[in-house]
PDB file of N, CA and C in Angstrom:
ATOM      1  N   UNK A   1       0.850  -1.227  -0.012  1.00  0.00           N
ATOM      2  CA  UNK A   1       0.078  -0.034   0.082  1.00  0.00           C
ATOM      3  C   UNK A   1       1.162   1.260  -0.057  1.00  0.00           C
ATOM      4  N   UNK A   2       0.263   2.351  -0.793  1.00  0.00           N
ATOM      5  CA  UNK A   2       1.257   3.624  -0.667  1.00  0.00           C
ATOM      6  C   UNK A   2       0.606   4.397   0.305  1.00  0.00           C
ATOM      7  N   UNK A   3       1.500   4.816   1.065  1.00  0.00           N
ATOM      8  CA  UNK A   3       1.073   5.811   2.217  1.00  0.00           C
ATOM      9  C   UNK A   3       1.210   7.450   1.825  1.00  0.00           C
ATOM     10  N   UNK A   4       0.390   8.188   2.416  1.00  0.00           N
ATOM     11  CA  UNK A   4       0.173   9.346   2.217  1.00  0.00           C
ATOM     12  C   UNK A   4       1.746  10.123   2.966  1.00  0.00           C
ATOM     13  N   UNK A   5       1.968  11.008   2.384  1.00  0.00           N
ATOM     14  CA  UNK A   5       3.135  11.880   3.078  1.00  0.00           C
ATOM     15  C   UNK A   5       2.483  12.815   4.371  1.00  0.00           C
ATOM     16  N   UNK A   6       3.013  13.222   5.249  1.00  0.00           N
ATOM     17  CA  UNK A   6       2.674  13.953   6.399  1.00  0.00           C
ATOM     18  C   UNK A   6       1.798  15.157   5.619  1.00  0.00           C
ATOM     19  N   UNK A   7       2.185  15.789   4.810  1.00  0.00           N
ATOM     20  CA  UNK A   7       1.760  17.196   4.621  1.00  0.00           C
ATOM     21  C   UNK A   7       0.491  16.843   3.590  1.00  0.00           C
ATOM     22  N   UNK A   8       0.544  15.795   2.868  1.00  0.00           N
ATOM     23  CA  UNK A   8      -0.552  15.209   2.077  1.00  0.00           C
ATOM     24  C   UNK A   8      -1.778  14.905   3.054  1.00  0.00           C
ATOM     25  N   UNK A   9      -1.451  14.218   3.925  1.00  0.00           N
ATOM     26  CA  UNK A   9      -2.287  13.846   5.403  1.00  0.00           C
ATOM     27  C   UNK A   9      -3.073  15.237   5.573  1.00  0.00           C
ATOM     28  N   UNK A  10      -2.159  16.210   6.008  1.00  0.00           N
ATOM     29  CA  UNK A  10      -2.593  17.407   6.494  1.00  0.00           C
ATOM     30  C   UNK A  10      -3.464  18.222   5.522  1.00  0.00           C
ATOM     31  N   UNK A  11      -3.185  18.137   4.314  1.00  0.00           N
ATOM     32  CA  UNK A  11      -4.032  18.774   3.608  1.00  0.00           C
ATOM     33  C   UNK A  11      -5.371  18.047   3.072  1.00  0.00           C
ATOM     34  N   UNK A  12      -5.307  16.699   2.963  1.00  0.00           N
ATOM     35  CA  UNK A  12      -6.457  16.199   2.702  1.00  0.00           C
ATOM     36  C   UNK A  12      -7.542  16.146   4.125  1.00  0.00           C
ATOM     37  N   UNK A  13      -6.834  15.954   5.397  1.00  0.00           N
ATOM     38  CA  UNK A  13      -7.856  16.368   6.545  1.00  0.00           C
ATOM     39  C   UNK A  13      -8.223  17.936   6.583  1.00  0.00           C
ATOM     40  N   UNK A  14      -7.476  18.918   6.345  1.00  0.00           N
ATOM     41  CA  UNK A  14      -8.078  20.185   6.116  1.00  0.00           C
ATOM     42  C   UNK A  14      -9.082  20.279   4.973  1.00  0.00           C
ATOM     43  N   UNK A  15      -9.057  19.791   3.727  1.00  0.00           N
ATOM     44  CA  UNK A  15     -10.241  19.570   2.943  1.00  0.00           C
ATOM     45  C   UNK A  15     -11.410  18.803   3.520  1.00  0.00           C
ATOM     46  N   UNK A  16     -11.024  18.040   3.899  1.00  0.00           N
ATOM     47  CA  UNK A  16     -12.228  17.229   4.841  1.00  0.00           C
ATOM     48  C   UNK A  16     -12.848  17.902   5.728  1.00  0.00           C
ATOM     49  N   UNK A  17     -12.098  18.448   6.672  1.00  0.00           N
ATOM     50  CA  UNK A  17     -12.631  19.425   7.629  1.00  0.00           C
ATOM     51  C   UNK A  17     -13.433  20.834   7.218  1.00  0.00           C
ATOM     52  N   UNK A  18     -13.479  21.190   6.080  1.00  0.00           N
ATOM     53  CA  UNK A  18     -13.826  22.427   5.339  1.00  0.00           C
ATOM     54  C   UNK A  18     -14.836  22.101   4.679  1.00  0.00           C
ATOM     55  N   UNK A  19     -14.981  20.857   4.300  1.00  0.00           N
ATOM     56  CA  UNK A  19     -16.244  20.546   3.298  1.00  0.00           C
ATOM     57  C   UNK A  19     -16.360  21.333   2.199  1.00  0.00           C
ATOM     58  N   UNK A  20     -17.544  21.844   1.846  1.00  0.00           N
ATOM     59  CA  UNK A  20     -17.648  22.774   0.909  1.00  0.00           C
ATOM     60  C   UNK A  20     -17.096  23.917   0.890  1.00  0.00           C
ATOM     61  N   UNK A  21     -16.438  24.203   1.866  1.00  0.00           N
ATOM     62  CA  UNK A  21     -15.700  25.532   1.928  1.00  0.00           C
ATOM     63  C   UNK A  21     -14.031  25.596   1.660  1.00  0.00           C
ATOM     64  N   UNK A  22     -13.653  24.382   1.090  1.00  0.00           N
ATOM     65  CA  UNK A  22     -12.472  24.105   0.675  1.00  0.00           C
ATOM     66  C   UNK A  22     -11.927  24.836  -0.147  1.00  0.00           C
ATOM     67  N   UNK A  23     -11.208  25.828  -0.157  1.00  0.00           N
ATOM     68  CA  UNK A  23     -10.333  26.483  -1.581  1.00  0.00           C
ATOM     69  C   UNK A  23      -9.069  27.122  -0.913  1.00  0.00           C
ATOM     70  N   UNK A  24      -8.174  27.177  -1.865  1.00  0.00           N
ATOM     71  CA  UNK A  24      -6.828  27.444  -1.379  1.00  0.00           C
ATOM     72  C   UNK A  24      -6.701  28.428   0.022  1.00  0.00           C
ATOM     73  N   UNK A  25      -7.038  29.412  -0.174  1.00  0.00           N
ATOM     74  CA  UNK A  25      -7.067  30.331   1.339  1.00  0.00           C
ATOM     75  C   UNK A  25      -7.411  29.537   2.465  1.00  0.00           C
ATOM     76  N   UNK A  26      -8.672  29.000   2.446  1.00  0.00           N
ATOM     77  CA  UNK A  26      -9.399  28.441   3.602  1.00  0.00           C
ATOM     78  C   UNK A  26      -8.737  27.223   3.896  1.00  0.00           C
ATOM     79  N   UNK A  27      -8.138  26.549   2.948  1.00  0.00           N
ATOM     80  CA  UNK A  27      -7.138  25.168   3.216  1.00  0.00           C
ATOM     81  C   UNK A  27      -5.937  25.678   4.021  1.00  0.00           C
ATOM     82  N   UNK A  28      -5.498  26.957   3.448  1.00  0.00           N
ATOM     83  CA  UNK A  28      -3.875  27.166   4.076  1.00  0.00           C
ATOM     84  C   UNK A  28      -4.367  27.699   5.522  1.00  0.00           C
ATOM     85  N   UNK A  29      -5.305  28.446   5.751  1.00  0.00           N
ATOM     86  CA  UNK A  29      -5.849  29.006   7.080  1.00  0.00           C
ATOM     87  C   UNK A  29      -6.207  27.851   8.101  1.00  0.00           C
ATOM     88  N   UNK A  30      -6.874  26.692   7.713  1.00  0.00           N
ATOM     89  CA  UNK A  30      -7.209  25.333   8.398  1.00  0.00           C
ATOM     90  C   UNK A  30      -5.751  24.761   8.639  1.00  0.00           C
ATOM     91  N   UNK A  31      -4.910  24.873   8.053  1.00  0.00           N
ATOM     92  CA  UNK A  31      -3.607  24.110   8.065  1.00  0.00           C
ATOM     93  C   UNK A  31      -2.829  25.230   9.033  1.00  0.00           C
ATOM     94  N   UNK A  32      -2.877  26.026   9.229  1.00  0.00           N
ATOM     95  CA  UNK A  32      -2.242  26.964   9.953  1.00  0.00           C
ATOM     96  C   UNK A  32      -2.695  26.765  11.621  1.00  0.00           C
ATOM     97  N   UNK A  33      -4.023  27.061  11.351  1.00  0.00           N
ATOM     98  CA  UNK A  33      -4.918  26.829  12.884  1.00  0.00           C
ATOM     99  C   UNK A  33      -4.720  25.476  12.987  1.00  0.00           C
ATOM    100  N   UNK A  34      -4.595  24.309  12.604  1.00  0.00           N
ATOM    101  CA  UNK A  34      -4.199  22.897  13.331  1.00  0.00           C
ATOM    102  C   UNK A  34      -2.909  22.981  13.636  1.00  0.00           C
ATOM    103  N   UNK A  35      -1.662  23.361  12.628  1.00  0.00           N
ATOM    104  CA  UNK A  35      -0.574  23.006  13.153  1.00  0.00           C
ATOM    105  C   UNK A  35       0.262  24.290  13.654  1.00  0.00           C
ATOM    106  N   UNK A  36      -0.216  25.378  13.605  1.00  0.00           N
ATOM    107  CA  UNK A  36       0.711  26.580  14.320  1.00  0.00           C
ATOM    108  C   UNK A  36       1.523  26.896  13.507  1.00  0.00           C
ATOM    109  N   UNK A  37       1.664  26.502  12.090  1.00  0.00           N
ATOM    110  CA  UNK A  37       2.834  27.049  11.277  1.00  0.00           C
ATOM    111  C   UNK A  37       1.989  27.801  10.192  1.00  0.00           C
ATOM    112  N   UNK A  38       2.837  28.882   9.968  1.00  0.00           N
ATOM    113  CA  UNK A  38       2.474  29.955   9.108  1.00  0.00           C
ATOM    114  C   UNK A  38       2.991  29.242   7.552  1.00  0.00           C
ATOM    115  N   UNK A  39       2.315  29.388   6.675  1.00  0.00           N
ATOM    116  CA  UNK A  39       2.435  29.062   5.285  1.00  0.00           C
ATOM    117  C   UNK A  39       2.508  30.405   4.399  1.00  0.00           C
ATOM    118  N   UNK A  40       3.146  30.630   3.609  1.00  0.00           N
ATOM    119  CA  UNK A  40       3.150  31.559   2.250  1.00  0.00           C
ATOM    120  C   UNK A  40       1.874  31.156   1.762  1.00  0.00           C
ATOM    121  N   UNK A  41       1.369  32.653   1.057  1.00  0.00           N
ATOM    122  CA  UNK A  41       0.167  32.086   0.085  1.00  0.00           C
ATOM    123  C   UNK A  41       0.022  31.012  -0.710  1.00  0.00           C
ATOM    124  N   UNK A  42       1.350  30.946  -1.665  1.00  0.00           N
ATOM    125  CA  UNK A  42       1.374  29.992  -2.743  1.00  0.00           C
ATOM    126  C   UNK A  42       1.849  28.723  -2.467  1.00  0.00           C
ATOM    127  N   UNK A  43       2.226  28.551  -1.059  1.00  0.00           N
ATOM    128  CA  UNK A  43       2.951  27.309  -0.646  1.00  0.00           C
ATOM    129  C   UNK A  43       2.323  26.076  -0.961  1.00  0.00           C
ATOM    130  N   UNK A  44       0.842  26.181  -0.604  1.00  0.00           N
ATOM    131  CA  UNK A  44       0.009  25.039  -0.927  1.00  0.00           C
ATOM    132  C   UNK A  44      -0.242  24.377  -2.129  1.00  0.00           C
ATOM    133  N   UNK A  45      -0.272  25.353  -3.234  1.00  0.00           N
ATOM    134  CA  UNK A  45      -0.933  24.965  -4.446  1.00  0.00           C
ATOM    135  C   UNK A  45      -0.378  23.950  -5.447  1.00  0.00           C
ATOM    136  N   UNK A  46       1.433  23.835  -5.001  1.00  0.00           N
ATOM    137  CA  UNK A  46       1.821  22.650  -5.573  1.00  0.00           C
ATOM    138  C   UNK A  46       1.635  21.160  -5.075  1.00  0.00           C
ATOM    139  N   UNK A  47       1.301  21.277  -3.725  1.00  0.00           N
ATOM    140  CA  UNK A  47       0.867  20.023  -3.070  1.00  0.00           C
ATOM    141  C   UNK A  47      -0.670  19.345  -3.386  1.00  0.00           C
ATOM    142  N   UNK A  48      -1.342  20.811  -3.416  1.00  0.00           N
ATOM    143  CA  UNK A  48      -3.015  20.550  -3.932  1.00  0.00           C
ATOM    144  C   UNK A  48      -2.835  19.953  -5.418  1.00  0.00           C
ATOM    145  N   UNK A  49      -2.076  20.526  -6.317  1.00  0.00           N
ATOM    146  CA  UNK A  49      -2.028  20.182  -7.533  1.00  0.00           C
ATOM    147  C   UNK A  49      -1.590  18.375  -7.587  1.00  0.00           C
ATOM    148  N   UNK A  50      -0.716  18.385  -6.699  1.00  0.00           N
ATOM    149  CA  UNK A  50      -0.064  16.719  -6.903  1.00  0.00           C
ATOM    150  C   UNK A  50      -1.189  16.128  -6.356  1.00  0.00           C
ATOM    151  N   UNK A  51      -2.001  16.343  -5.235  1.00  0.00           N
ATOM    152  CA  UNK A  51      -2.980  15.947  -4.835  1.00  0.00           C
ATOM    153  C   UNK A  51      -4.139  15.431  -5.938  1.00  0.00           C
ATOM    154  N   UNK A  52      -4.211  16.272  -6.792  1.00  0.00           N
ATOM    155  CA  UNK A  52      -5.522  16.416  -7.927  1.00  0.00           C
ATOM    156  C   UNK A  52      -5.130  15.513  -8.798  1.00  0.00           C
ATOM    157  N   UNK A  53      -3.625  15.420  -9.099  1.00  0.00           N
ATOM    158  CA  UNK A  53      -2.798  14.719 -10.119  1.00  0.00           C
ATOM    159  C   UNK A  53      -2.957  12.955  -9.387  1.00  0.00           C
ATOM    160  N   UNK A  54      -2.854  12.885  -8.488  1.00  0.00           N
ATOM    161  CA  UNK A  54      -2.628  11.299  -7.959  1.00  0.00           C
ATOM    162  C   UNK A  54      -4.336  11.075  -7.781  1.00  0.00           C
ATOM    163  N   UNK A  55      -5.243  11.798  -8.197  1.00  0.00           N
ATOM    164  CA  UNK A  55      -6.514  11.348  -7.848  1.00  0.00           C
ATOM    165  C   UNK A  55      -7.165  11.392  -6.383  1.00  0.00           C
ATOM    166  N   UNK A  56      -6.422  11.915  -5.708  1.00  0.00           N
ATOM    167  CA  UNK A  56      -6.984  12.180  -4.321  1.00  0.00           C
ATOM    168  C   UNK A  56      -7.925  13.138  -3.959  1.00  0.00           C
ATOM    169  N   UNK A  57      -7.719  14.241  -4.925  1.00  0.00           N
ATOM    170  CA  UNK A  57      -9.016  15.514  -4.629  1.00  0.00           C
ATOM    171  C   UNK A  57      -9.377  15.819  -6.139  1.00  0.00           C
ATOM    172  N   UNK A  58     -10.596  16.131  -6.282  1.00  0.00           N
ATOM    173  CA  UNK A  58     -11.108  16.801  -7.561  1.00  0.00           C
ATOM    174  C   UNK A  58     -11.523  18.301  -7.406  1.00  0.00           C
ATOM    175  N   UNK A  59     -11.384  18.782  -8.245  1.00  0.00           N
ATOM    176  CA  UNK A  59     -11.475  20.609  -8.206  1.00  0.00           C
ATOM    177  C   UNK A  59     -12.978  20.904  -9.057  1.00  0.00           C
ATOM    178  N   UNK A  60     -13.472  21.951  -8.493  1.00  0.00           N
ATOM    179  CA  UNK A  60     -14.517  22.515  -9.106  1.00  0.00           C
ATOM    180  C   UNK A  60     -14.288  23.969  -9.199  1.00  0.00           C
ATOM    181  N   UNK A  61     -14.538  24.854 -10.303  1.00  0.00           N
ATOM    182  CA  UNK A  61     -14.355  26.052 -10.442  1.00  0.00           C
ATOM    183  C   UNK A  61     -15.663  26.859 -10.044  1.00  0.00           C
ATOM    184  N   UNK A  62     -15.714  27.738  -9.229  1.00  0.00           N
ATOM    185  CA  UNK A  62     -16.943  28.414  -8.597  1.00  0.00           C
ATOM    186  C   UNK A  62     -17.259  29.298  -9.537  1.00  0.00           C
ATOM    187  N   UNK A  63     -18.510  29.695  -9.913  1.00  0.00           N
ATOM    188  CA  UNK A  63     -19.008  30.445 -10.600  1.00  0.00           C
ATOM    189  C   UNK A  63     -18.519  32.147 -10.301  1.00  0.00           C
ATOM    190  N   UNK A  64     -18.199  32.718 -11.143  1.00  0.00           N
ATOM    191  CA  UNK A  64     -18.018  34.282 -10.735  1.00  0.00           C
ATOM    192  C   UNK A  64     -18.950  34.999 -10.091  1.00  0.00           C
ATOM    193  N   UNK A  65     -18.785  35.560  -8.813  1.00  0.00           N
ATOM    194  CA  UNK A  65     -19.904  36.118  -8.330  1.00  0.00           C
ATOM    195  C   UNK A  65     -19.544  37.853  -8.498  1.00  0.00           C
ATOM    196  N   UNK A  66     -20.624  38.472  -8.672  1.00  0.00           N
ATOM    197  CA  UNK A  66     -20.571  39.869  -9.282  1.00  0.00           C
ATOM    198  C   UNK A  66     -19.803  40.563  -8.417  1.00  0.00           C
ATOM    199  N   UNK A  67     -19.512  40.588  -6.839  1.00  0.00           N
ATOM    200  CA  UNK A  67     -18.688  41.294  -6.192  1.00  0.00           C
ATOM    201  C   UNK A  67     -17.075  40.465  -6.027  1.00  0.00           C
ATOM    202  N   UNK A  68     -16.893  39.528  -6.557  1.00  0.00           N
ATOM    203  CA  UNK A  68     -15.671  39.054  -6.307  1.00  0.00           C
ATOM    204  C   UNK A  68     -14.642  39.609  -7.665  1.00  0.00           C
ATOM    205  N   UNK A  69     -13.494  39.978  -7.105  1.00  0.00           N
ATOM    206  CA  UNK A  69     -12.710  40.213  -8.006  1.00  0.00           C
ATOM    207  C   UNK A  69     -11.689  39.365  -8.470  1.00  0.00           C
ATOM    208  N   UNK A  70     -11.164  39.423  -9.370  1.00  0.00           N
ATOM    209  CA  UNK A  70      -9.743  38.302  -9.931  1.00  0.00           C
ATOM    210  C   UNK A  70     -10.370  37.059 -10.276  1.00  0.00           C
ATOM    211  N   UNK A  71      -9.686  36.183 -10.228  1.00  0.00           N
ATOM    212  CA  UNK A  71      -9.945  34.612 -10.661  1.00  0.00           C
ATOM    213  C   UNK A  71     -10.972  33.840  -9.621  1.00  0.00           C
ATOM    214  N   UNK A  72     -11.919  33.189 -10.459  1.00  0.00           N
ATOM    215  CA  UNK A  72     -12.654  32.444  -9.387  1.00  0.00           C
ATOM    216  C   UNK A  72     -12.089  31.593  -8.616  1.00  0.00           C
ATOM    217  N   UNK A  73     -12.928  31.206  -7.572  1.00  0.00           N
ATOM    218  CA  UNK A  73     -12.218  29.838  -6.662  1.00  0.00           C
ATOM    219  C   UNK A  73     -12.367  28.834  -6.965  1.00  0.00           C
ATOM    220  N   UNK A  74     -11.327  28.032  -6.759  1.00  0.00           N
ATOM    221  CA  UNK A  74     -11.191  26.597  -7.139  1.00  0.00           C
ATOM    222  C   UNK A  74     -11.519  25.860  -5.699  1.00  0.00           C
ATOM    223  N   UNK A  75     -12.476  25.011  -5.614  1.00  0.00           N
ATOM    224  CA  UNK A  75     -12.884  24.236  -4.570  1.00  0.00           C
ATOM    225  C   UNK A  75     -12.362  22.763  -4.730  1.00  0.00           C
ATOM    226  N   UNK A  76     -11.766  22.266  -3.509  1.00  0.00           N
ATOM    227  CA  UNK A  76     -11.158  21.012  -3.445  1.00  0.00           C
ATOM    228  C   UNK A  76     -12.130  19.918  -2.700  1.00  0.00           C
ATOM    229  N   UNK A  77     -12.440  18.478  -3.198  1.00  0.00           N
ATOM    230  CA  UNK A  77     -13.079  17.941  -2.912  1.00  0.00           C
ATOM    231  C   UNK A  77     -12.202  16.620  -2.415  1.00  0.00           C
ATOM    232  N   UNK A  78     -12.573  15.772  -1.577  1.00  0.00           N
ATOM    233  CA  UNK A  78     -11.872  14.333  -1.588  1.00  0.00           C
ATOM    234  C   UNK A  78     -12.628  13.437  -2.552  1.00  0.00           C
ATOM    235  N   UNK A  79     -11.815  12.572  -3.351  1.00  0.00           N
ATOM    236  CA  UNK A  79     -12.468  11.739  -4.136  1.00  0.00           C
ATOM    237  C   UNK A  79     -12.608  10.281  -3.411  1.00  0.00           C
ATOM    238  N   UNK A  80     -13.157   9.457  -3.652  1.00  0.00           N
ATOM    239  CA  UNK A  80     -13.384   8.205  -2.955  1.00  0.00           C
ATOM    240  C   UNK A  80     -11.762   7.629  -2.788  1.00  0.00           C
ATOM    241  N   UNK A  81     -10.985   7.751  -3.586  1.00  0.00           N
ATOM    242  CA  UNK A  81      -9.723   7.178  -3.377  1.00  0.00           C
ATOM    243  C   UNK A  81      -8.845   8.196  -2.519  1.00  0.00           C
ATOM    244  N   UNK A  82      -9.249   9.325  -2.274  1.00  0.00           N
ATOM    245  CA  UNK A  82      -8.406  10.223  -1.367  1.00  0.00           C
ATOM    246  C   UNK A  82      -8.909   9.878   0.128  1.00  0.00           C
ATOM    247  N   UNK A  83     -10.462   9.727  -0.076  1.00  0.00           N
ATOM    248  CA  UNK A  83     -10.825   9.310   1.228  1.00  0.00           C
ATOM    249  C   UNK A  83     -10.415   7.977   1.785  1.00  0.00           C
ATOM    250  N   UNK A  84     -10.024   7.011   1.159  1.00  0.00           N
ATOM    251  CA  UNK A  84      -9.679   5.506   1.268  1.00  0.00           C
ATOM    252  C   UNK A  84      -8.304   5.821   1.850  1.00  0.00           C
ATOM    253  N   UNK A  85      -7.705   6.650   1.425  1.00  0.00           N
ATOM    254  CA  UNK A  85      -6.239   6.919   1.720  1.00  0.00           C
ATOM    255  C   UNK A  85      -6.189   7.556   3.185  1.00  0.00           C
ATOM    256  N   UNK A  86      -7.241   8.912   3.347  1.00  0.00           N
ATOM    257  CA  UNK A  86      -6.795   9.334   4.793  1.00  0.00           C
ATOM    258  C   UNK A  86      -7.669   8.041   5.577  1.00  0.00           C
ATOM    259  N   UNK A  87      -8.507   7.262   5.609  1.00  0.00           N
ATOM    260  CA  UNK A  87      -8.881   6.383   6.483  1.00  0.00           C
ATOM    261  C   UNK A  87      -7.855   5.401   6.522  1.00  0.00           C
ATOM    262  N   UNK A  88      -7.049   4.994   5.552  1.00  0.00           N
ATOM    263  CA  UNK A  88      -5.785   3.941   5.887  1.00  0.00           C
ATOM    264  C   UNK A  88      -4.461   4.620   6.654  1.00  0.00           C
ATOM    265  N   UNK A  89      -4.388   5.981   6.563  1.00  0.00           N
ATOM    266  CA  UNK A  89      -3.297   6.515   7.414  1.00  0.00           C
ATOM    267  C   UNK A  89      -3.990   6.676   8.736  1.00  0.00           C
ATOM    268  N   UNK A  90      -5.294   6.947   8.812  1.00  0.00           N
ATOM    269  CA  UNK A  90      -5.817   7.079  10.165  1.00  0.00           C
ATOM    270  C   UNK A  90      -5.768   5.764  11.131  1.00  0.00           C
ATOM    271  N   UNK A  91      -6.203   4.619  10.193  1.00  0.00           N
ATOM    272  CA  UNK A  91      -5.702   3.403  10.950  1.00  0.00           C
ATOM    273  C   UNK A  91      -4.473   3.042  11.450  1.00  0.00           C
ATOM    274  N   UNK A  92      -3.573   3.413  10.478  1.00  0.00           N
ATOM    275  CA  UNK A  92      -2.161   3.107  10.435  1.00  0.00           C
ATOM    276  C   UNK A  92      -1.547   3.771  11.615  1.00  0.00           C
ATOM    277  N   UNK A  93      -1.955   5.006  11.796  1.00  0.00           N
ATOM    278  CA  UNK A  93      -1.665   5.808  13.002  1.00  0.00           C
ATOM    279  C   UNK A  93      -2.095   5.354  14.369  1.00  0.00           C
ATOM    280  N   UNK A  94      -3.570   4.602  14.306  1.00  0.00           N
ATOM    281  CA  UNK A  94      -3.980   4.082  15.547  1.00  0.00           C
ATOM    282  C   UNK A  94      -3.188   3.014  16.058  1.00  0.00           C
ATOM    283  N   UNK A  95      -2.952   1.884  14.973  1.00  0.00           N
ATOM    284  CA  UNK A  95      -2.100   0.686  15.232  1.00  0.00           C
ATOM    285  C   UNK A  95      -0.546   0.844  15.560  1.00  0.00           C
ATOM    286  N   UNK A  96      -0.164   1.952  15.299  1.00  0.00           N
ATOM    287  CA  UNK A  96       1.131   2.447  15.305  1.00  0.00           C
ATOM    288  C   UNK A  96       1.631   2.758  16.709  1.00  0.00           C
ATOM    289  N   UNK A  97       0.546   3.578  17.106  1.00  0.00           N
ATOM    290  CA  UNK A  97       0.285   4.342  18.550  1.00  0.00           C
ATOM    291  C   UNK A  97      -0.020   3.266  19.537  1.00  0.00           C
ATOM    292  N   UNK A  98      -0.845   2.470  19.443  1.00  0.00           N
ATOM    293  CA  UNK A  98      -1.285   1.352  20.287  1.00  0.00           C
ATOM    294  C   UNK A  98       0.006   0.878  21.162  1.00  0.00           C
ATOM    295  N   UNK A  99      -0.566   1.012  22.348  1.00  0.00           N
ATOM    296  CA  UNK A  99       0.431   0.225  23.368  1.00  0.00           C
ATOM    297  C   UNK A  99       1.945   0.795  23.292  1.00  0.00           C
ATOM    298  N   UNK A 100       1.897   2.278  22.893  1.00  0.00           N
ATOM    299  CA  UNK A 100       3.438   3.010  22.929  1.00  0.00           C
ATOM    300  C   UNK A 100       3.217   3.435  24.612  1.00  0.00           C
ATOM    301  N   UNK A 101       4.341   3.483  25.203  1.00  0.00           N
ATOM    302  CA  UNK A 101       4.467   4.073  26.454  1.00  0.00           C
ATOM    303  C   UNK A 101       4.461   5.432  26.166  1.00  0.00           C
ATOM    304  N   UNK A 102       3.878   6.224  27.467  1.00  0.00           N
ATOM    305  CA  UNK A 102       3.734   7.577  27.500  1.00  0.00           C
ATOM    306  C   UNK A 102       5.201   7.967  27.228  1.00  0.00           C
ATOM    307  N   UNK A 103       5.076   9.054  26.480  1.00  0.00           N
ATOM    308  CA  UNK A 103       6.672   9.643  25.795  1.00  0.00           C
ATOM    309  C   UNK A 103       6.783  10.879  27.224  1.00  0.00           C
ATOM    310  N   UNK A 104       7.930  10.663  27.661  1.00  0.00           N
ATOM    311  CA  UNK A 104       7.894  12.060  28.688  1.00  0.00           C
ATOM    312  C   UNK A 104       9.358  12.570  28.213  1.00  0.00           C
TER     313      UNK A 104
END
């Protein structure tokens, strides 16, 4: 089985948490809130592109709203394969951490 990298896991979790509101900026903000690490605005787009290329997410381009300027938003949604990978890494983490003595 092919495992997710840590950043792939973090991004897929952010997309899952955000649901229908998962677009570039909201994903970056979710990752920052979850990890406490600041990201540059464009830093996640390469990873998101790779997730799409690997079939873990699909994209939908939003219709332009009259008060929105610039490019339309691109929304990200987990595919069934992406959800499977996320479930597999969740199970792996549970198994790996089971019966581990407390780290002090």
